[in-house]
């Protein structure tokens, strides 16, 4: 059973505190010793790679056991449909919010950038990748070349597809309890592996943050400060008002929920990616009281379809480039950009650098905003990635709660106990085997 235990230990020994120290130390090193900070990139990359190697088996086993434990394929289909409806509604609202904020604040106004002066060589890799990020390409990309290939590439959406197929097949097998228990036992091993890997999270956050500040510098933040401020404030407003409001309607304290996810939040801020937090989210959302079936399906799917922070980033960045290059957009053109983003944001969701690739593909498809304008974002994209990844992370946590409540597969008493009685900032998380609530 996955439990949270109140171990009486000093606050400075908790993972939460150690990750904070790692992030702060990374900022200091990046500011005062930028060359040394850049050399620490392997620390962050190594930590992300350690987590990434466990994501595919954990997602596969979680979904497989979840479907087998439910046993009712119609119920699983209903969970998937509700999740997709929620994803589309909330991400569309995030796109609209970003569009509205960028239209009112106009972060790129007054820059008067000459498109001919822009160096577009730095964005060539993203524009090339955007060719493969169409909706059709995404749908075909869900099917792996081989069964093992999905795991070797670590493609979440392909692994999810295989897990659903195998889960459905497992429900059709007689006396499948032995196979289900075996899969569950193997999953416990991977949860233990994650617990071990998380012990080096402070070093990973330290290296990633030192590289980011050392590579791009604090000066870059000030140069495009209005854009960063626009994205950060919009994302924070979305988190507090929209996601906080959904938690309130669900009877969950949003503040305590965020505190509960504190380690994952800090890891995302340190690494500028929500991917390293995926295994922890699967564990914690199930521990909170969401059923194994809902958690195993919504969290992995949300990493491709429920990208609230990326949606905000896409619309604000697109309009920022248009404003900075004095490209006038009519209301109809803005709506067209919105519609393209609604499709493309799903098409490149699982690709490394997906936000930037999606933006490149959108600008290419629209044709009215110069694609070369993407070079304006290169210096600060890493900093924007921190906020969009954080928003994506919290958004997927809230989505899991909402879908679980819709399906009556949410243990409110357990959630209350975990958030109010068991967890506090001075207590450590103990990762053991997950406990489903059906």
Protein backbone atom coordinates (compact mmCIF):
# COMPACT_ATOMS: atom_id res chain seq x y z
CA UNK A 1 0.00 0.00 0.00
CA UNK A 2 1.21 3.47 -0.80
CA UNK A 3 1.24 5.41 2.40
CA UNK A 4 2.41 8.72 3.74
CA UNK A 5 4.04 8.41 7.07
CA UNK A 6 4.76 11.08 9.63
CA UNK A 7 8.40 10.48 10.31
CA UNK A 8 9.72 12.67 13.04
CA UNK A 9 12.78 13.99 11.32
CA UNK A 10 14.27 17.45 10.94
CA UNK A 11 12.84 19.55 8.14
CA UNK A 12 16.27 19.96 6.58
CA UNK A 13 16.42 16.22 5.87
CA UNK A 14 13.18 16.07 3.87
CA UNK A 15 13.23 15.70 0.09
CA UNK A 16 11.18 18.88 -0.16
CA UNK A 17 13.89 20.95 1.57
CA UNK A 18 16.74 19.31 -0.32
CA UNK A 19 15.17 20.07 -3.70
CA UNK A 20 14.68 23.72 -2.64
CA UNK A 21 18.37 23.90 -1.72
CA UNK A 22 19.29 22.37 -5.08
CA UNK A 23 17.21 24.89 -7.03
CA UNK A 24 18.52 27.90 -5.07
CA UNK A 25 22.12 26.68 -5.32
CA UNK A 26 21.66 26.22 -9.06
CA UNK A 27 20.47 29.82 -9.44
CA UNK A 28 23.47 31.12 -7.44
CA UNK A 29 25.97 29.10 -9.48
CA UNK A 30 24.35 30.14 -12.77
CA UNK A 31 24.48 33.83 -11.87
CA UNK A 32 27.99 34.06 -10.42
CA UNK A 33 29.77 31.20 -12.26
CA UNK A 34 27.90 30.86 -15.58
CA UNK A 35 30.61 28.80 -17.30
CA UNK A 36 30.62 26.30 -14.46
CA UNK A 37 26.81 26.34 -14.45
CA UNK A 38 26.70 25.41 -18.13
CA UNK A 39 29.03 22.49 -17.45
CA UNK A 40 26.52 21.07 -14.95
CA UNK A 41 23.96 20.29 -17.66
CA UNK A 42 24.70 16.52 -17.46
CA UNK A 43 23.38 16.47 -13.87
CA UNK A 44 19.94 17.63 -14.97
CA UNK A 45 19.96 15.49 -18.12
CA UNK A 46 21.04 12.45 -16.14
CA UNK A 47 18.24 12.83 -13.60
CA UNK A 48 15.62 13.25 -16.34
CA UNK A 49 16.98 10.17 -18.09
CA UNK A 50 16.78 8.16 -14.87
CA UNK A 51 13.11 9.04 -14.44
CA UNK A 52 12.34 8.67 -18.13
CA UNK A 53 13.57 5.06 -18.19
CA UNK A 54 10.84 4.11 -15.68
CA UNK A 55 7.95 6.04 -17.20
CA UNK A 56 7.03 3.55 -19.94
CA UNK A 57 6.80 0.44 -17.70
CA UNK A 58 5.03 2.34 -14.93
CA UNK A 59 2.42 3.77 -17.30
CA UNK A 60 1.93 0.39 -18.98
CA UNK A 61 1.54 -1.54 -15.72
CA UNK A 62 -0.68 1.12 -14.09
CA UNK A 63 -3.13 1.19 -17.01
CA UNK A 64 -3.04 -2.59 -17.44
CA UNK A 65 -3.79 -3.29 -13.76
CA UNK A 66 -6.35 -0.47 -13.68
CA UNK A 67 -8.36 -1.87 -16.59
CA UNK A 68 -8.12 -5.41 -15.25
CA UNK A 69 -9.27 -4.31 -11.80
CA UNK A 70 -12.35 -2.61 -13.26
CA UNK A 71 -13.14 -5.42 -15.65
CA UNK A 72 -15.96 -3.45 -17.26
CA UNK A 73 -14.90 -2.15 -20.66
CA UNK A 74 -17.91 0.13 -20.92
CA UNK A 75 -16.88 1.79 -17.68
CA UNK A 76 -13.34 2.28 -18.99
CA UNK A 77 -14.70 3.77 -22.20
CA UNK A 78 -16.85 6.13 -20.17
CA UNK A 79 -13.81 7.25 -18.12
CA UNK A 80 -11.83 7.88 -21.30
CA UNK A 81 -14.64 9.83 -22.94
CA UNK A 82 -15.20 12.03 -19.89
CA UNK A 83 -11.47 12.67 -19.63
CA UNK A 84 -11.24 13.74 -23.28
CA UNK A 85 -14.27 16.05 -22.93
CA UNK A 86 -12.72 17.65 -19.85
CA UNK A 87 -9.35 18.01 -21.62
CA UNK A 88 -10.87 19.71 -24.66
CA UNK A 89 -13.03 22.13 -22.70
CA UNK A 90 -10.29 23.25 -20.29
CA UNK A 91 -7.49 23.52 -22.87
CA UNK A 92 -9.76 25.49 -25.22
CA UNK A 93 -10.50 27.89 -22.37
CA UNK A 94 -6.74 28.20 -21.74
CA UNK A 95 -6.18 29.02 -25.42
CA UNK A 96 -8.93 31.65 -25.31
CA UNK A 97 -7.50 33.11 -22.11
CA UNK A 98 -4.05 33.45 -23.63
CA UNK A 99 -5.51 35.00 -26.77
CA UNK A 100 -7.48 37.54 -24.75
CA UNK A 101 -4.60 38.49 -22.45
CA UNK A 102 -2.13 38.92 -25.33
CA UNK A 103 -4.65 41.04 -27.25
CA UNK A 104 -5.18 43.37 -24.28
CA UNK A 105 -1.65 43.63 -22.83
CA UNK A 106 0.16 43.39 -26.21
CA UNK A 107 3.57 42.28 -24.84
CA UNK A 108 5.29 42.66 -28.25
CA UNK A 109 4.03 46.15 -29.01
CA UNK A 110 6.72 48.75 -29.63
CA UNK A 111 9.55 46.30 -30.38
CA UNK A 112 9.36 47.11 -34.13
CA UNK A 113 11.43 44.09 -35.17
CA UNK A 114 12.43 43.87 -38.82
CA UNK A 115 11.81 40.33 -40.01
CA UNK A 116 14.74 40.53 -42.42
CA UNK A 117 17.08 41.13 -39.49
CA UNK A 118 16.07 37.95 -37.71
CA UNK A 119 18.34 34.92 -37.74
CA UNK A 120 16.06 31.95 -38.30
CA UNK A 121 18.80 29.30 -38.34
CA UNK A 122 18.26 28.60 -34.64
CA UNK A 123 14.64 27.57 -35.20
CA UNK A 124 15.30 25.33 -38.20
CA UNK A 125 15.15 22.15 -36.10
CA UNK A 126 11.72 23.10 -34.77
CA UNK A 127 10.23 24.06 -38.11
CA UNK A 128 11.53 20.80 -39.58
CA UNK A 129 9.97 18.79 -36.76
CA UNK A 130 6.67 20.63 -37.13
CA UNK A 131 6.17 18.96 -40.52
CA UNK A 132 5.45 15.73 -38.65
CA UNK A 133 3.19 17.29 -36.03
CA UNK A 134 -0.05 17.35 -38.03
CA UNK A 135 -3.18 15.71 -36.56
CA UNK A 136 -2.96 12.90 -39.14
CA UNK A 137 0.69 12.32 -38.32
CA UNK A 138 -0.15 12.25 -34.63
CA UNK A 139 -2.90 9.66 -35.07
CA UNK A 140 -0.65 7.40 -37.13
CA UNK A 141 2.14 7.98 -34.63
CA UNK A 142 0.02 6.45 -31.86
CA UNK A 143 0.65 3.04 -33.43
CA UNK A 144 4.21 1.87 -32.68
CA UNK A 145 6.33 0.11 -35.29
CA UNK A 146 6.85 -2.77 -32.86
CA UNK A 147 5.55 -3.64 -29.42
CA UNK A 148 8.99 -3.21 -27.88
CA UNK A 149 9.66 -0.08 -29.95
CA UNK A 150 7.15 1.95 -27.94
CA UNK A 151 9.09 1.19 -24.75
CA UNK A 152 12.52 1.76 -26.27
CA UNK A 153 11.47 5.21 -27.54
CA UNK A 154 9.62 6.02 -24.33
CA UNK A 155 6.65 7.40 -26.28
CA UNK A 156 3.94 7.84 -23.62
CA UNK A 157 0.97 7.88 -25.99
CA UNK A 158 2.17 4.70 -27.76
CA UNK A 159 2.71 2.94 -24.44
CA UNK A 160 -0.76 4.06 -23.34
CA UNK A 161 -2.24 2.64 -26.56
CA UNK A 162 -0.54 -0.73 -25.98
CA UNK A 163 -1.56 -0.78 -22.33
CA UNK A 164 -5.23 -0.24 -23.23
CA UNK A 165 -5.10 -3.01 -25.83
CA UNK A 166 -3.44 -5.42 -23.39
CA UNK A 167 -5.81 -4.41 -20.60
CA UNK A 168 -8.83 -5.12 -22.80
CA UNK A 169 -7.32 -8.46 -23.81
CA UNK A 170 -6.62 -9.31 -20.18
CA UNK A 171 -10.28 -8.81 -19.24
CA UNK A 172 -11.18 -11.40 -21.88
CA UNK A 173 -8.88 -14.03 -20.40
CA UNK A 174 -10.39 -16.50 -17.97
CA UNK A 175 -8.93 -16.61 -14.49
CA UNK A 176 -6.83 -13.53 -15.14
CA UNK A 177 -6.24 -12.90 -11.43
CA UNK A 178 -2.80 -14.54 -11.50
CA UNK A 179 -1.61 -12.35 -14.41
CA UNK A 180 -3.07 -9.22 -12.81
CA UNK A 181 -1.38 -9.92 -9.48
CA UNK A 182 1.92 -10.60 -11.27
CA UNK A 183 1.69 -7.28 -13.13
CA UNK A 184 0.83 -5.52 -9.87
CA UNK A 185 3.82 -7.10 -8.13
CA UNK A 186 6.16 -5.98 -10.92
CA UNK A 187 4.76 -2.44 -10.69
CA UNK A 188 5.75 -2.37 -7.00
CA UNK A 189 9.38 -2.88 -8.04
CA UNK A 190 9.24 0.16 -10.30
CA UNK A 191 7.66 2.27 -7.55
CA UNK A 192 10.61 1.32 -5.35
CA UNK A 193 12.99 2.27 -8.16
CA UNK A 194 11.32 5.68 -8.39
CA UNK A 195 11.72 6.14 -4.63
CA UNK A 196 15.45 5.49 -5.02
CA UNK A 197 15.79 7.82 -8.01
CA UNK A 198 14.01 10.65 -6.19
CA UNK A 199 16.86 10.73 -3.69
CA UNK A 200 19.06 12.31 -6.38
CA UNK A 201 16.37 14.84 -7.39
CA UNK A 202 18.14 17.71 -5.55
CA UNK A 203 21.27 17.16 -7.68
CA UNK A 204 19.20 16.98 -10.87
CA UNK A 205 17.37 20.20 -10.02
CA UNK A 206 20.67 21.86 -9.10
CA UNK A 207 22.35 20.95 -12.39
CA UNK A 208 19.36 21.85 -14.57
CA UNK A 209 18.84 25.24 -12.91
CA UNK A 210 22.56 26.10 -12.97
CA UNK A 211 22.67 25.33 -16.69
CA UNK A 212 19.55 27.36 -17.47
CA UNK A 213 20.74 30.50 -15.68
CA UNK A 214 24.35 30.05 -16.84
CA UNK A 215 23.38 29.48 -20.46
CA UNK A 216 20.77 32.19 -20.93
CA UNK A 217 21.57 34.59 -18.12
CA UNK A 218 19.37 36.84 -16.04
CA UNK A 219 19.83 39.63 -18.61
CA UNK A 220 17.75 37.63 -21.07
CA UNK A 221 14.89 37.67 -18.59
CA UNK A 222 14.86 41.45 -18.50
CA UNK A 223 15.13 41.81 -22.27
CA UNK A 224 11.84 39.99 -22.84
CA UNK A 225 10.43 40.63 -19.39
CA UNK A 226 7.03 41.81 -20.59
CA UNK A 227 6.41 38.55 -22.45
CA UNK A 228 7.56 36.46 -19.49
CA UNK A 229 5.46 38.52 -17.08
CA UNK A 230 2.42 38.12 -19.33
CA UNK A 231 2.78 34.33 -19.50
CA UNK A 232 3.60 33.93 -15.81
CA UNK A 233 0.72 36.10 -14.58
CA UNK A 234 -1.77 34.49 -16.97
CA UNK A 235 -0.68 31.00 -15.97
CA UNK A 236 -0.79 31.84 -12.25
CA UNK A 237 -4.24 33.36 -12.72
CA UNK A 238 -5.40 30.23 -14.55
CA UNK A 239 -4.01 28.01 -11.80
CA UNK A 240 -5.57 30.00 -8.95
CA UNK A 241 -8.93 30.90 -10.51
CA UNK A 242 -9.76 28.05 -12.91
CA UNK A 243 -7.97 25.08 -11.37
CA UNK A 244 -8.46 26.42 -7.84
CA UNK A 245 -12.16 26.92 -8.56
CA UNK A 246 -12.51 23.35 -9.86
CA UNK A 247 -10.85 22.07 -6.69
CA UNK A 248 -13.20 24.19 -4.58
CA UNK A 249 -16.22 22.75 -6.39
CA UNK A 250 -14.84 19.28 -5.73
CA UNK A 251 -14.49 19.95 -2.02
CA UNK A 252 -10.67 19.93 -2.14
CA UNK A 253 -8.46 22.59 -0.58
CA UNK A 254 -6.41 23.83 -3.52
CA UNK A 255 -3.61 25.17 -1.34
CA UNK A 256 -3.23 21.88 0.51
CA UNK A 257 -3.36 20.02 -2.80
CA UNK A 258 -0.47 22.08 -4.19
CA UNK A 259 1.49 21.57 -0.95
CA UNK A 260 0.82 17.84 -1.29
CA UNK A 261 2.49 17.96 -4.74
CA UNK A 262 5.37 20.10 -3.47
CA UNK A 263 8.19 17.73 -4.50
CA UNK A 264 6.81 17.39 -8.03
CA UNK A 265 6.30 21.16 -8.29
CA UNK A 266 9.91 21.86 -7.32
CA UNK A 267 11.26 19.20 -9.68
CA UNK A 268 9.28 20.75 -12.54
CA UNK A 269 10.61 24.21 -11.71
CA UNK A 270 14.15 22.88 -11.53
CA UNK A 271 14.12 20.81 -14.71
CA UNK A 272 11.67 22.93 -16.78
CA UNK A 273 9.82 19.72 -17.66
CA UNK A 274 6.78 17.94 -16.24
CA UNK A 275 7.98 14.54 -17.51
CA UNK A 276 10.15 13.71 -14.46
CA UNK A 277 7.09 14.21 -12.24
CA UNK A 278 4.85 11.72 -14.07
CA UNK A 279 5.66 8.62 -11.97
CA UNK A 280 5.22 10.60 -8.76
CA UNK A 281 1.88 11.95 -9.98
CA UNK A 282 0.61 8.42 -10.62
CA UNK A 283 1.56 7.46 -7.09
CA UNK A 284 0.29 10.55 -5.33
CA UNK A 285 -3.07 10.86 -7.11
CA UNK A 286 -3.88 7.26 -6.28
CA UNK A 287 -2.76 7.81 -2.71
CA UNK A 288 -5.03 10.86 -2.56
CA UNK A 289 -8.11 8.72 -3.21
CA UNK A 290 -8.50 8.56 -7.00
CA UNK A 291 -9.06 5.04 -8.26
CA UNK A 292 -6.28 3.13 -9.95
CA UNK A 293 -8.29 2.91 -13.17
CA UNK A 294 -8.91 6.66 -13.38
CA UNK A 295 -5.37 7.63 -12.34
CA UNK A 296 -3.72 5.17 -14.71
CA UNK A 297 -5.74 6.46 -17.66
CA UNK A 298 -6.12 10.20 -17.01
CA UNK A 299 -2.56 11.09 -15.97
CA UNK A 300 -0.75 9.51 -18.99
CA UNK A 301 -3.42 10.74 -21.43
CA UNK A 302 -3.28 14.19 -19.86
CA UNK A 303 0.41 14.45 -20.68
CA UNK A 304 -0.58 14.48 -24.36
CA UNK A 305 -4.05 16.02 -24.37
CA UNK A 306 -4.42 18.19 -21.26
CA UNK A 307 -1.69 20.82 -21.67
CA UNK A 308 -3.21 23.92 -20.09
CA UNK A 309 0.09 25.75 -19.63
CA UNK A 310 1.24 24.96 -23.15
CA UNK A 311 -2.07 26.27 -24.52
CA UNK A 312 -1.59 29.61 -22.74
CA UNK A 313 2.00 29.81 -23.97
CA UNK A 314 1.03 29.09 -27.58
CA UNK A 315 -1.53 31.86 -28.04
CA UNK A 316 0.44 34.51 -26.14
CA UNK A 317 3.67 33.68 -28.00
CA UNK A 318 1.98 33.69 -31.41
CA UNK A 319 0.46 37.12 -30.83
CA UNK A 320 3.70 38.38 -29.29
CA UNK A 321 5.59 37.58 -32.50
CA UNK A 322 2.88 39.25 -34.58
CA UNK A 323 3.00 42.39 -32.41
CA UNK A 324 6.81 42.50 -32.29
CA UNK A 325 7.05 42.29 -36.09
CA UNK A 326 4.15 44.74 -36.63
CA UNK A 327 2.06 42.02 -38.29
CA UNK A 328 -1.58 43.09 -38.17
CA UNK A 329 -4.09 40.33 -37.45
CA UNK A 330 -7.81 40.61 -38.00
CA UNK A 331 -10.30 39.07 -35.59
CA UNK A 332 -10.95 36.31 -38.11
CA UNK A 333 -7.24 35.53 -38.40
CA UNK A 334 -6.97 35.28 -34.61
CA UNK A 335 -9.87 32.82 -34.54
CA UNK A 336 -8.20 30.82 -37.31
CA UNK A 337 -4.98 30.68 -35.25
CA UNK A 338 -7.04 29.46 -32.30
CA UNK A 339 -8.63 26.66 -34.36
CA UNK A 340 -5.26 25.55 -35.74
CA UNK A 341 -3.80 25.48 -32.24
CA UNK A 342 -6.72 23.39 -30.98
CA UNK A 343 -5.65 20.71 -33.46
CA UNK A 344 -1.87 21.15 -33.51
CA UNK A 345 -1.51 21.26 -29.73
CA UNK A 346 -2.56 17.60 -29.68
CA UNK A 347 -0.45 16.72 -32.72
CA UNK A 348 2.95 17.54 -31.21
CA UNK A 349 2.13 17.02 -27.56
CA UNK A 350 4.41 14.04 -27.01
CA UNK A 351 7.39 15.40 -28.98
CA UNK A 352 10.45 16.74 -27.17
CA UNK A 353 10.18 20.55 -27.31
CA UNK A 354 6.52 20.03 -28.21
CA UNK A 355 5.41 23.57 -27.33
CA UNK A 356 7.96 25.22 -29.59
CA UNK A 357 7.35 22.68 -32.38
CA UNK A 358 3.59 23.20 -32.17
CA UNK A 359 4.07 26.96 -32.40
CA UNK A 360 6.35 26.54 -35.43
CA UNK A 361 3.80 24.31 -37.14
CA UNK A 362 0.98 26.74 -36.38
CA UNK A 363 2.82 29.78 -37.75
CA UNK A 364 3.69 27.81 -40.88
CA UNK A 365 0.06 26.75 -41.35
CA UNK A 366 -1.39 30.20 -40.73
CA UNK A 367 1.09 31.98 -43.00
CA UNK A 368 0.39 35.49 -41.74
CA UNK A 369 2.92 35.54 -38.86
CA UNK A 370 6.62 35.22 -39.83
CA UNK A 371 8.05 31.90 -38.66
CA UNK A 372 11.44 33.58 -38.30
CA UNK A 373 9.94 35.45 -35.35
CA UNK A 374 10.39 32.28 -33.31
CA UNK A 375 14.03 33.30 -32.90
CA UNK A 376 12.78 36.06 -30.55
CA UNK A 377 11.68 33.37 -28.09
CA UNK A 378 14.77 31.16 -28.08
CA UNK A 379 16.49 32.99 -25.24
CA UNK A 380 13.57 32.82 -22.83
CA UNK A 381 11.77 29.66 -23.93
CA UNK A 382 13.47 27.66 -21.18
CA UNK A 383 12.07 30.05 -18.55
CA UNK A 384 8.61 29.97 -20.09
CA UNK A 385 8.84 26.18 -20.11
CA UNK A 386 9.01 26.21 -16.32
CA UNK A 387 5.63 27.89 -15.95
CA UNK A 388 3.86 25.99 -18.71
CA UNK A 389 5.13 22.67 -17.33
CA UNK A 390 4.01 23.62 -13.82
CA UNK A 391 0.54 24.56 -15.10
CA UNK A 392 0.34 21.29 -17.05
CA UNK A 393 1.31 19.32 -13.94
CA UNK A 394 -1.29 20.86 -11.63
CA UNK A 395 -3.90 20.78 -14.40
CA UNK A 396 -3.48 17.02 -14.82
CA UNK A 397 -3.78 16.51 -11.07
CA UNK A 398 -7.04 18.47 -10.96
CA UNK A 399 -8.33 16.62 -14.04
CA UNK A 400 -7.78 13.29 -12.29
CA UNK A 401 -9.80 14.44 -9.28
CA UNK A 402 -12.66 15.75 -11.46
CA UNK A 403 -12.93 12.59 -13.58
CA UNK A 404 -12.67 10.36 -10.50
CA UNK A 405 -15.53 12.26 -8.84
CA UNK A 406 -17.63 12.04 -12.01
CA UNK A 407 -17.17 8.27 -11.93
CA UNK A 408 -17.77 7.99 -8.16
CA UNK A 409 -14.26 6.57 -7.87
CA UNK A 410 -12.88 9.16 -5.50
CA UNK A 411 -12.45 8.50 -1.79
CA UNK A 412 -13.16 11.93 -0.27
CA UNK A 413 -12.49 10.72 3.27
CA UNK A 414 -9.06 9.45 2.31
CA UNK A 415 -8.30 12.72 0.49
CA UNK A 416 -9.28 14.71 3.57
CA UNK A 417 -7.13 12.53 5.79
CA UNK A 418 -4.12 12.78 3.45
CA UNK A 419 -4.38 16.54 2.94
CA UNK A 420 -5.31 17.60 6.47
CA UNK A 421 -4.04 14.99 8.90
CA UNK A 422 -1.23 12.96 7.36
CA UNK A 423 0.72 15.44 5.27
CA UNK A 424 2.48 18.55 6.41
CA UNK A 425 5.64 20.27 5.14
CA UNK A 426 7.82 18.58 7.78
CA UNK A 427 6.80 15.04 6.85
CA UNK A 428 8.36 12.79 4.27
CA UNK A 429 6.58 10.76 1.59
CA UNK A 430 7.16 7.02 1.77
CA UNK A 431 6.59 5.31 -1.58
CA UNK A 432 5.30 1.81 -1.22
CA UNK A 433 2.81 -0.08 -3.33
CA UNK A 434 -0.22 1.87 -4.63
CA UNK A 435 -3.69 1.42 -3.18
CA UNK A 436 -6.61 1.61 -5.58
CA UNK A 437 -10.00 2.97 -4.52
CA UNK A 438 -12.92 1.57 -6.50
